[in-house]
Structure formats: structure tokens, C-alpha cells
């Protein structure tokens, strides 16, 4: 019988990588600098804006396809 564990137990993290079961220790919490916090906010804003653009381009392209049909 084969036993496979996925998830977290205390500070250990169990996961599968390919066909191998892997265990690692959770990273210690590090205090973020103001620069890294700003970078995270900028990334989040950019990601949301890109999603908005992708969504509306998709809607527009569907509309154009229906208009020429």
C-alpha cells in the first residue's frame, strides 16, 4: 500500500513533484520593506488592469465576430 501526503503539518509542507513525494520546511516570515510592499501593490494593480483589458478585448472580439457573421 502506498501512502501519499499533501499539505501542511506544523512547519512541514508535503507535496508531490513529478513522481516523487517531497517534504520541506516552511519559510520563516520575513518583514517586507516599504519598497517590496510598493512593488507588490504595483504588481497587483497592473495585474488587475491587464485582466480588465483582456476581458474587454475578448468581449469586443466576440462582438465583432457576431457583427460580421
PDB file of N, CA and C in Angstrom:
ATOM      1  N   UNK A   1       0.846  -1.182   0.000  1.00  0.00           N
ATOM      2  CA  UNK A   1       0.000   0.000   0.000  1.00  0.00           C
ATOM      3  C   UNK A   1       0.890   1.244   0.000  1.00  0.00           C
ATOM      4  N   UNK A   2       0.562   2.180  -0.876  1.00  0.00           N
ATOM      5  CA  UNK A   2       1.349   3.406  -0.987  1.00  0.00           C
ATOM      6  C   UNK A   2       0.606   4.545  -0.303  1.00  0.00           C
ATOM      7  N   UNK A   3       1.322   5.339   0.491  1.00  0.00           N
ATOM      8  CA  UNK A   3       0.738   6.469   1.206  1.00  0.00           C
ATOM      9  C   UNK A   3       1.354   7.746   0.671  1.00  0.00           C
ATOM     10  N   UNK A   4       0.513   8.683   0.292  1.00  0.00           N
ATOM     11  CA  UNK A   4       0.987   9.971  -0.214  1.00  0.00           C
ATOM     12  C   UNK A   4       0.330  11.072   0.601  1.00  0.00           C
ATOM     13  N   UNK A   5       1.134  12.005   1.094  1.00  0.00           N
ATOM     14  CA  UNK A   5       0.631  13.110   1.911  1.00  0.00           C
ATOM     15  C   UNK A   5       0.828  14.397   1.143  1.00  0.00           C
ATOM     16  N   UNK A   6      -0.216  15.207   1.087  1.00  0.00           N
ATOM     17  CA  UNK A   6      -0.129  16.541   0.509  1.00  0.00           C
ATOM     18  C   UNK A   6      -0.666  17.523   1.528  1.00  0.00           C
ATOM     19  N   UNK A   7       0.008  18.646   1.697  1.00  0.00           N
ATOM     20  CA  UNK A   7      -0.478  19.660   2.615  1.00  0.00           C
ATOM     21  C   UNK A   7       0.573  20.047   3.625  1.00  0.00           C
ATOM     22  N   UNK A   8       0.099  20.562   4.735  1.00  0.00           N
ATOM     23  CA  UNK A   8       0.981  21.139   5.733  1.00  0.00           C
ATOM     24  C   UNK A   8       0.713  20.516   7.089  1.00  0.00           C
ATOM     25  N   UNK A   9       1.774  20.275   7.827  1.00  0.00           N
ATOM     26  CA  UNK A   9       1.675  19.756   9.182  1.00  0.00           C
ATOM     27  C   UNK A   9       2.703  20.502  10.009  1.00  0.00           C
ATOM     28  N   UNK A  10       2.229  21.414  10.849  1.00  0.00           N
ATOM     29  CA  UNK A  10       3.162  22.247  11.605  1.00  0.00           C
ATOM     30  C   UNK A  10       3.954  23.118  10.654  1.00  0.00           C
ATOM     31  N   UNK A  11       5.290  23.054  10.749  1.00  0.00           N
ATOM     32  CA  UNK A  11       6.116  23.856   9.846  1.00  0.00           C
ATOM     33  C   UNK A  11       6.657  23.030   8.678  1.00  0.00           C
ATOM     34  N   UNK A  12       6.080  21.837   8.461  1.00  0.00           N
ATOM     35  CA  UNK A  12       6.474  21.000   7.331  1.00  0.00           C
ATOM     36  C   UNK A  12       5.417  21.065   6.228  1.00  0.00           C
ATOM     37  N   UNK A  13       5.874  21.088   4.982  1.00  0.00           N
ATOM     38  CA  UNK A  13       4.988  21.121   3.826  1.00  0.00           C
ATOM     39  C   UNK A  13       5.273  19.884   2.987  1.00  0.00           C
ATOM     40  N   UNK A  14       4.230  19.108   2.709  1.00  0.00           N
ATOM     41  CA  UNK A  14       4.338  17.881   1.920  1.00  0.00           C
ATOM     42  C   UNK A  14       3.709  18.128   0.555  1.00  0.00           C
ATOM     43  N   UNK A  15       4.408  17.741  -0.503  1.00  0.00           N
ATOM     44  CA  UNK A  15       3.852  17.870  -1.844  1.00  0.00           C
ATOM     45  C   UNK A  15       4.502  16.879  -2.776  1.00  0.00           C
ATOM     46  N   UNK A  16       3.929  16.750  -3.959  1.00  0.00           N
ATOM     47  CA  UNK A  16       4.429  15.802  -4.948  1.00  0.00           C
ATOM     48  C   UNK A  16       5.066  16.595  -6.078  1.00  0.00           C
ATOM     49  N   UNK A  17       6.269  16.216  -6.481  1.00  0.00           N
ATOM     50  CA  UNK A  17       6.956  16.838  -7.604  1.00  0.00           C
ATOM     51  C   UNK A  17       7.280  15.737  -8.600  1.00  0.00           C
ATOM     52  N   UNK A  18       6.498  15.707  -9.687  1.00  0.00           N
ATOM     53  CA  UNK A  18       6.635  14.593 -10.625  1.00  0.00           C
ATOM     54  C   UNK A  18       6.126  13.330  -9.957  1.00  0.00           C
ATOM     55  N   UNK A  19       6.974  12.316  -9.872  1.00  0.00           N
ATOM     56  CA  UNK A  19       6.602  11.062  -9.212  1.00  0.00           C
ATOM     57  C   UNK A  19       7.193  10.948  -7.814  1.00  0.00           C
ATOM     58  N   UNK A  20       7.776  12.033  -7.319  1.00  0.00           N
ATOM     59  CA  UNK A  20       8.474  11.996  -6.037  1.00  0.00           C
ATOM     60  C   UNK A  20       7.714  12.790  -4.983  1.00  0.00           C
ATOM     61  N   UNK A  21       7.556  12.199  -3.806  1.00  0.00           N
ATOM     62  CA  UNK A  21       6.984  12.926  -2.679  1.00  0.00           C
ATOM     63  C   UNK A  21       8.092  13.746  -2.032  1.00  0.00           C
ATOM     64  N   UNK A  22       7.805  15.020  -1.755  1.00  0.00           N
ATOM     65  CA  UNK A  22       8.811  15.943  -1.235  1.00  0.00           C
ATOM     66  C   UNK A  22       8.299  16.560   0.061  1.00  0.00           C
ATOM     67  N   UNK A  23       9.208  16.778   1.001  1.00  0.00           N
ATOM     68  CA  UNK A  23       8.894  17.459   2.255  1.00  0.00           C
ATOM     69  C   UNK A  23       9.873  18.617   2.396  1.00  0.00           C
ATOM     70  N   UNK A  24       9.351  19.783   2.744  1.00  0.00           N
ATOM     71  CA  UNK A  24      10.231  20.919   3.010  1.00  0.00           C
ATOM     72  C   UNK A  24       9.729  21.646   4.238  1.00  0.00           C
ATOM     73  N   UNK A  25      10.598  22.450   4.803  1.00  0.00           N
ATOM     74  CA  UNK A  25      10.220  23.234   5.967  1.00  0.00           C
ATOM     75  C   UNK A  25       9.691  24.576   5.494  1.00  0.00           C
ATOM     76  N   UNK A  26       8.599  25.037   6.113  1.00  0.00           N
ATOM     77  CA  UNK A  26       8.020  26.313   5.759  1.00  0.00           C
ATOM     78  C   UNK A  26       9.043  27.424   5.961  1.00  0.00           C
ATOM     79  N   UNK A  27       9.034  28.381   5.057  1.00  0.00           N
ATOM     80  CA  UNK A  27       9.946  29.514   5.179  1.00  0.00           C
ATOM     81  C   UNK A  27       9.541  30.374   6.369  1.00  0.00           C
ATOM     82  N   UNK A  28      10.528  30.927   7.023  1.00  0.00           N
ATOM     83  CA  UNK A  28      10.260  31.825   8.140  1.00  0.00           C
ATOM     84  C   UNK A  28       9.679  33.128   7.600  1.00  0.00           C
ATOM     85  N   UNK A  29       8.808  33.762   8.370  1.00  0.00           N
ATOM     86  CA  UNK A  29       8.205  35.023   7.947  1.00  0.00           C
ATOM     87  C   UNK A  29       9.263  36.124   7.989  1.00  0.00           C
ATOM     88  N   UNK A  30       9.387  36.827   6.878  1.00  0.00           N
ATOM     89  CA  UNK A  30      10.332  37.935   6.790  1.00  0.00           C
ATOM     90  C   UNK A  30       9.550  39.236   6.694  1.00  0.00           C
ATOM     91  N   UNK A  31      10.010  40.244   7.368  1.00  0.00           N
ATOM     92  CA  UNK A  31       9.372  41.556   7.318  1.00  0.00           C
ATOM     93  C   UNK A  31       9.644  42.190   5.962  1.00  0.00           C
ATOM     94  N   UNK A  32       8.577  42.615   5.266  1.00  0.00           N
ATOM     95  CA  UNK A  32       8.742  43.248   3.963  1.00  0.00           C
ATOM     96  C   UNK A  32       9.172  44.703   4.141  1.00  0.00           C
ATOM     97  N   UNK A  33      10.046  45.144   3.249  1.00  0.00           N
ATOM     98  CA  UNK A  33      10.442  46.551   3.258  1.00  0.00           C
ATOM     99  C   UNK A  33       9.344  47.364   2.583  1.00  0.00           C
ATOM    100  N   UNK A  34       9.374  48.670   2.766  1.00  0.00           N
ATOM    101  CA  UNK A  34       8.400  49.533   2.104  1.00  0.00           C
ATOM    102  C   UNK A  34       8.509  49.409   0.589  1.00  0.00           C
ATOM    103  N   UNK A  35       9.735  49.243   0.079  1.00  0.00           N
ATOM    104  CA  UNK A  35       9.934  49.114  -1.370  1.00  0.00           C
ATOM    105  C   UNK A  35       9.269  47.839  -1.895  1.00  0.00           C
ATOM    106  N   UNK A  36       9.387  46.721  -1.157  1.00  0.00           N
ATOM    107  CA  UNK A  36       8.771  45.479  -1.630  1.00  0.00           C
ATOM    108  C   UNK A  36       7.253  45.552  -1.505  1.00  0.00           C
ATOM    109  N   UNK A  37       6.735  46.252  -0.499  1.00  0.00           N
ATOM    110  CA  UNK A  37       5.288  46.431  -0.378  1.00  0.00           C
ATOM    111  C   UNK A  37       4.758  47.254  -1.543  1.00  0.00           C
ATOM    112  N   UNK A  38       5.486  48.310  -1.916  1.00  0.00           N
ATOM    113  CA  UNK A  38       5.075  49.143  -3.050  1.00  0.00           C
ATOM    114  C   UNK A  38       5.127  48.329  -4.333  1.00  0.00           C
ATOM    115  N   UNK A  39       6.165  47.538  -4.490  1.00  0.00           N
ATOM    116  CA  UNK A  39       6.292  46.694  -5.670  1.00  0.00           C
ATOM    117  C   UNK A  39       5.125  45.711  -5.759  1.00  0.00           C
ATOM    118  N   UNK A  40       4.721  45.132  -4.639  1.00  0.00           N
ATOM    119  CA  UNK A  40       3.583  44.206  -4.612  1.00  0.00           C
ATOM    120  C   UNK A  40       2.290  44.914  -4.992  1.00  0.00           C
ATOM    121  N   UNK A  41       2.076  46.114  -4.479  1.00  0.00           N
ATOM    122  CA  UNK A  41       0.880  46.882  -4.828  1.00  0.00           C
ATOM    123  C   UNK A  41       0.870  47.209  -6.312  1.00  0.00           C
ATOM    124  N   UNK A  42       2.026  47.633  -6.843  1.00  0.00           N
ATOM    125  CA  UNK A  42       2.124  47.952  -8.273  1.00  0.00           C
ATOM    126  C   UNK A  42       1.822  46.729  -9.128  1.00  0.00           C
ATOM    127  N   UNK A  43       2.363  45.587  -8.746  1.00  0.00           N
ATOM    128  CA  UNK A  43       2.115  44.355  -9.486  1.00  0.00           C
ATOM    129  C   UNK A  43       0.634  44.009  -9.459  1.00  0.00           C
ATOM    130  N   UNK A  44       0.002  44.120  -8.290  1.00  0.00           N
ATOM    131  CA  UNK A  44      -1.421  43.825  -8.164  1.00  0.00           C
ATOM    132  C   UNK A  44      -2.270  44.734  -9.038  1.00  0.00           C
ATOM    133  N   UNK A  45      -1.963  46.031  -9.030  1.00  0.00           N
ATOM    134  CA  UNK A  45      -2.705  46.991  -9.856  1.00  0.00           C
ATOM    135  C   UNK A  45      -2.543  46.668 -11.331  1.00  0.00           C
ATOM    136  N   UNK A  46      -1.324  46.401 -11.740  1.00  0.00           N
ATOM    137  CA  UNK A  46      -1.049  46.089 -13.142  1.00  0.00           C
ATOM    138  C   UNK A  46      -1.764  44.813 -13.552  1.00  0.00           C
ATOM    139  N   UNK A  47      -1.762  43.824 -12.682  1.00  0.00           N
ATOM    140  CA  UNK A  47      -2.436  42.559 -12.974  1.00  0.00           C
ATOM    141  C   UNK A  47      -3.935  42.764 -13.143  1.00  0.00           C
ATOM    142  N   UNK A  48      -4.562  43.537 -12.257  1.00  0.00           N
ATOM    143  CA  UNK A  48      -5.996  43.818 -12.373  1.00  0.00           C
ATOM    144  C   UNK A  48      -6.303  44.576 -13.658  1.00  0.00           C
ATOM    145  N   UNK A  49      -5.471  45.566 -14.000  1.00  0.00           N
ATOM    146  CA  UNK A  49      -5.684  46.329 -15.228  1.00  0.00           C
ATOM    147  C   UNK A  49      -5.541  45.449 -16.463  1.00  0.00           C
ATOM    148  N   UNK A  50      -4.569  44.557 -16.461  1.00  0.00           N
ATOM    149  CA  UNK A  50      -4.373  43.650 -17.593  1.00  0.00           C
ATOM    150  C   UNK A  50      -5.572  42.718 -17.737  1.00  0.00           C
ATOM    151  N   UNK A  51      -6.111  42.234 -16.623  1.00  0.00           N
ATOM    152  CA  UNK A  51      -7.284  41.359 -16.668  1.00  0.00           C
ATOM    153  C   UNK A  51      -8.480  42.112 -17.246  1.00  0.00           C
ATOM    154  N   UNK A  52      -8.644  43.366 -16.867  1.00  0.00           N
ATOM    155  CA  UNK A  52      -9.728  44.204 -17.399  1.00  0.00           C
ATOM    156  C   UNK A  52      -9.592  44.349 -18.911  1.00  0.00           C
ATOM    157  N   UNK A  53      -8.377  44.627 -19.365  1.00  0.00           N
ATOM    158  CA  UNK A  53      -8.124  44.796 -20.802  1.00  0.00           C
ATOM    159  C   UNK A  53      -8.393  43.495 -21.552  1.00  0.00           C
ATOM    160  N   UNK A  54      -7.879  42.365 -21.024  1.00  0.00           N
ATOM    161  CA  UNK A  54      -8.104  41.078 -21.678  1.00  0.00           C
ATOM    162  C   UNK A  54      -9.592  40.770 -21.779  1.00  0.00           C
ATOM    163  N   UNK A  55     -10.320  40.994 -20.686  1.00  0.00           N
ATOM    164  CA  UNK A  55     -11.757  40.699 -20.672  1.00  0.00           C
ATOM    165  C   UNK A  55     -12.479  41.520 -21.731  1.00  0.00           C
ATOM    166  N   UNK A  56     -12.185  42.815 -21.798  1.00  0.00           N
ATOM    167  CA  UNK A  56     -12.904  43.671 -22.726  1.00  0.00           C
ATOM    168  C   UNK A  56     -12.466  43.451 -24.174  1.00  0.00           C
ATOM    169  N   UNK A  57     -11.229  43.089 -24.399  1.00  0.00           N
ATOM    170  CA  UNK A  57     -10.820  42.741 -25.755  1.00  0.00           C
ATOM    171  C   UNK A  57     -11.533  41.476 -26.219  1.00  0.00           C
ATOM    172  N   UNK A  58     -11.686  40.536 -25.309  1.00  0.00           N
ATOM    173  CA  UNK A  58     -12.395  39.292 -25.632  1.00  0.00           C
ATOM    174  C   UNK A  58     -13.856  39.600 -25.975  1.00  0.00           C
ATOM    175  N   UNK A  59     -14.512  40.429 -25.149  1.00  0.00           N
ATOM    176  CA  UNK A  59     -15.905  40.800 -25.420  1.00  0.00           C
ATOM    177  C   UNK A  59     -16.018  41.532 -26.756  1.00  0.00           C
ATOM    178  N   UNK A  60     -15.087  42.440 -27.014  1.00  0.00           N
ATOM    179  CA  UNK A  60     -15.098  43.213 -28.251  1.00  0.00           C
ATOM    180  C   UNK A  60     -14.889  42.296 -29.457  1.00  0.00           C
ATOM    181  N   UNK A  61     -13.951  41.352 -29.341  1.00  0.00           N
ATOM    182  CA  UNK A  61     -13.692  40.455 -30.477  1.00  0.00           C
ATOM    183  C   UNK A  61     -14.909  39.572 -30.745  1.00  0.00           C
ATOM    184  N   UNK A  62     -15.601  39.107 -29.684  1.00  0.00           N
ATOM    185  CA  UNK A  62     -16.817  38.310 -29.881  1.00  0.00           C
ATOM    186  C   UNK A  62     -17.899  39.148 -30.555  1.00  0.00           C
ATOM    187  N   UNK A  63     -18.010  40.400 -30.138  1.00  0.00           N
ATOM    188  CA  UNK A  63     -18.994  41.307 -30.737  1.00  0.00           C
ATOM    189  C   UNK A  63     -18.695  41.517 -32.218  1.00  0.00           C
ATOM    190  N   UNK A  64     -17.427  41.710 -32.535  1.00  0.00           N
ATOM    191  CA  UNK A  64     -17.034  41.923 -33.943  1.00  0.00           C
ATOM    192  C   UNK A  64     -17.282  40.671 -34.771  1.00  0.00           C
ATOM    193  N   UNK A  65     -17.032  39.504 -34.211  1.00  0.00           N
ATOM    194  CA  UNK A  65     -17.291  38.256 -34.941  1.00  0.00           C
ATOM    195  C   UNK A  65     -18.782  38.083 -35.221  1.00  0.00           C
ATOM    196  N   UNK A  66     -19.622  38.449 -34.261  1.00  0.00           N
ATOM    197  CA  UNK A  66     -21.066  38.351 -34.467  1.00  0.00           C
ATOM    198  C   UNK A  66     -21.529  39.383 -35.479  1.00  0.00           C
ATOM    199  N   UNK A  67     -20.907  40.558 -35.502  1.00  0.00           N
ATOM    200  CA  UNK A  67     -21.310  41.630 -36.418  1.00  0.00           C
ATOM    201  C   UNK A  67     -20.996  41.282 -37.865  1.00  0.00           C
ATOM    202  N   UNK A  68     -19.907  40.547 -38.093  1.00  0.00           N
ATOM    203  CA  UNK A  68     -19.544  40.224 -39.479  1.00  0.00           C
ATOM    204  C   UNK A  68     -20.174  38.920 -39.951  1.00  0.00           C
ATOM    205  N   UNK A  69     -20.828  38.200 -39.052  1.00  0.00           N
ATOM    206  CA  UNK A  69     -21.474  36.929 -39.444  1.00  0.00           C
ATOM    207  C   UNK A  69     -22.773  37.163 -40.164  1.00  0.00           C
TER     208      UNK A  69
END
